[in-house]
């Protein structure tokens, strides 16, 4: 999502914030649906993931603020390409 926003000219800091804001209700809805349909038993994992998400929410904006806009575009683009290649590999070759 961030890569697409950067591709259409959105500022890097704004695209990271917009993506994060959009992910919150999607993830919450997904978790609630999964919990209601299947139950959830791995509470220690949920706690660890919540701690990681909260740490990222605090650290992420500071890192985004300190990184040059052009460098951030390159990093986000590279990560999007690597993620795409990994998904293709896992889908068709693994």
Protein backbone atom coordinates (compact mmCIF):
# COMPACT_ATOMS: atom_id res chain seq x y z
CA UNK A 1 0.00 0.00 0.00
CA UNK A 2 2.81 2.42 0.86
CA UNK A 3 4.59 1.64 -2.41
CA UNK A 4 1.47 2.42 -4.42
CA UNK A 5 1.05 5.75 -2.68
CA UNK A 6 4.67 6.64 -3.35
CA UNK A 7 4.24 5.68 -7.00
CA UNK A 8 1.46 8.25 -7.42
CA UNK A 9 3.43 11.03 -5.76
CA UNK A 10 2.32 10.94 -2.12
CA UNK A 11 5.00 12.13 0.31
CA UNK A 12 6.79 9.24 2.00
CA UNK A 13 5.93 10.29 5.54
CA UNK A 14 2.27 10.72 4.65
CA UNK A 15 2.10 7.37 2.87
CA UNK A 16 3.55 5.53 5.87
CA UNK A 17 1.04 7.23 8.18
CA UNK A 18 -1.92 6.61 5.88
CA UNK A 19 -0.97 2.95 5.48
CA UNK A 20 -0.66 2.48 9.23
CA UNK A 21 -3.99 4.19 9.86
CA UNK A 22 -5.70 2.04 7.22
CA UNK A 23 -4.23 -1.19 8.60
CA UNK A 24 -5.60 -0.77 12.13
CA UNK A 25 -9.32 -1.33 11.42
CA UNK A 26 -8.55 -4.03 8.84
CA UNK A 27 -6.39 -5.98 11.29
CA UNK A 28 -8.85 -5.53 14.15
CA UNK A 29 -11.75 -6.71 12.01
CA UNK A 30 -9.76 -9.69 10.79
CA UNK A 31 -8.74 -10.67 14.31
CA UNK A 32 -12.29 -10.36 15.65
CA UNK A 33 -13.67 -12.42 12.76
CA UNK A 34 -11.02 -15.11 13.22
CA UNK A 35 -11.60 -15.17 16.97
CA UNK A 36 -15.38 -15.52 16.61
CA UNK A 37 -15.18 -18.19 13.90
CA UNK A 38 -12.22 -20.29 15.04
CA UNK A 39 -11.31 -19.27 18.53
CA UNK A 40 -7.84 -18.17 19.49
CA UNK A 41 -5.54 -20.05 21.80
CA UNK A 42 -2.08 -18.54 21.30
CA UNK A 43 -2.39 -15.63 23.72
CA UNK A 44 1.37 -15.38 24.41
CA UNK A 45 1.92 -14.81 20.68
CA UNK A 46 -0.79 -12.14 20.65
CA UNK A 47 0.85 -10.36 23.57
CA UNK A 48 4.27 -10.42 21.88
CA UNK A 49 2.82 -9.15 18.61
CA UNK A 50 0.98 -6.36 20.44
CA UNK A 51 4.18 -5.29 22.20
CA UNK A 52 5.98 -5.27 18.85
CA UNK A 53 3.22 -3.25 17.21
CA UNK A 54 3.20 -0.69 20.01
CA UNK A 55 6.99 -0.37 19.87
CA UNK A 56 6.80 0.08 16.11
CA UNK A 57 4.12 2.74 16.50
CA UNK A 58 6.42 4.72 18.78
CA UNK A 59 9.71 4.14 16.93
CA UNK A 60 8.39 4.21 13.35
CA UNK A 61 7.41 7.88 13.14
CA UNK A 62 10.77 8.94 14.56
CA UNK A 63 12.66 6.86 12.02
CA UNK A 64 10.43 8.11 9.21
CA UNK A 65 10.97 11.70 10.31
CA UNK A 66 14.76 11.31 10.39
CA UNK A 67 15.21 9.52 7.03
CA UNK A 68 15.58 11.54 3.85
CA UNK A 69 12.47 11.41 1.63
CA UNK A 70 14.35 10.05 -1.41
CA UNK A 71 16.12 7.37 0.62
CA UNK A 72 12.83 6.30 2.18
CA UNK A 73 11.28 5.93 -1.28
CA UNK A 74 14.17 3.67 -2.31
CA UNK A 75 13.91 1.55 0.85
CA UNK A 76 10.13 1.15 0.57
CA UNK A 77 10.41 0.34 -3.14
CA UNK A 78 13.14 -2.24 -2.52
CA UNK A 79 11.13 -3.87 0.26
CA UNK A 80 8.05 -4.03 -1.97
CA UNK A 81 10.07 -5.71 -4.73
CA UNK A 82 11.64 -8.20 -2.31
CA UNK A 83 8.23 -9.01 -0.82
CA UNK A 84 6.76 -9.53 -4.30
CA UNK A 85 9.59 -11.85 -5.33
CA UNK A 86 9.24 -13.79 -2.07
CA UNK A 87 5.50 -14.22 -2.59
CA UNK A 88 6.01 -15.41 -6.17
CA UNK A 89 8.70 -17.84 -5.02
CA UNK A 90 6.54 -19.25 -2.22
CA UNK A 91 3.51 -19.50 -4.50
CA UNK A 92 5.08 -21.17 -7.51
CA UNK A 93 8.40 -22.72 -6.50
CA UNK A 94 8.17 -23.80 -2.87
